[in-house]
Amino acid sequence: MNRNKKLANMAMLVALAMIFSYVESLIPINFGVPGMKLGVANLVTVTGLYFLEIPEVLAVSVLRVLLTGFLFGNGMSIIYSLAGAVVSLLAMVLVKKMDGISIVGVSITGGVFHNIGQILVAMVVVENLKLIYYLPVLLVAGTVTGFVIGIVAGKILPVVKKEAVRTV
C-alpha cells in the first residue's frame, strides 16, 4: 500500500473511531459498573492491528483519543483514555504475536489491559491505592466487552481488509 493510501486509510479510521466514541457517549447504557462502556471505538484499533503496521495503529489510536478528548471530553478523560489505549495496544501487539490466539483473544486482552492502564493512572492521579479493589470488576467488564468487540471485529475484518486496500 503506498503512502497516500495508508494516510487516507488512517484518516478514515481516526474519523470512524471518533464517530463511534461520540455515538457511544450519546447512548445511555447502564452496565452496572461506573464508567464502563462497550468501547466500540476499539473496533478500529483491533481491526487496524490486522492490516496496518504497529506505528500506524498507535497513531490512529492516539489521535482518536486526543481529538475525541479535545472535542467531547476534558483533560482527565484524555489522560485516562490515553493510558488505557497505549497499555491495551501494547498488550494486544504482544498477544497477537503468539500462535493460536484469535482476534477475539486479542480483543479480550485489549479490553482487560485498557482497564488495567486506566486503574493504574487513577491510582496515581487520586493518590489512593485502594482503587485496586475495583480491578476485579473491571477485569470482568474488560473480558466481556473485549469478547463482544472481538466477535464483531472478526466479522468485519475480511471486508475492512479488502476495502482498505481499494480506497483512494
Foldseek 3Di string as FASTA:
>chain_A
DDPVLLVVLLVVLLVVLLVVVVVQVVDDDCPVAPPDGLNLSCLSLLLCVVAPDLVSSLVSQLSSLVVSCVVPHDPLSSQLSNQLSVQLSVQLNVVVPDPPQASLNSLLSSLLRSVVSNLVVVCVVVVPPVSVVCSVVSNVSSNVSSNVSSVVSVVCNVVCNVVSVVDD
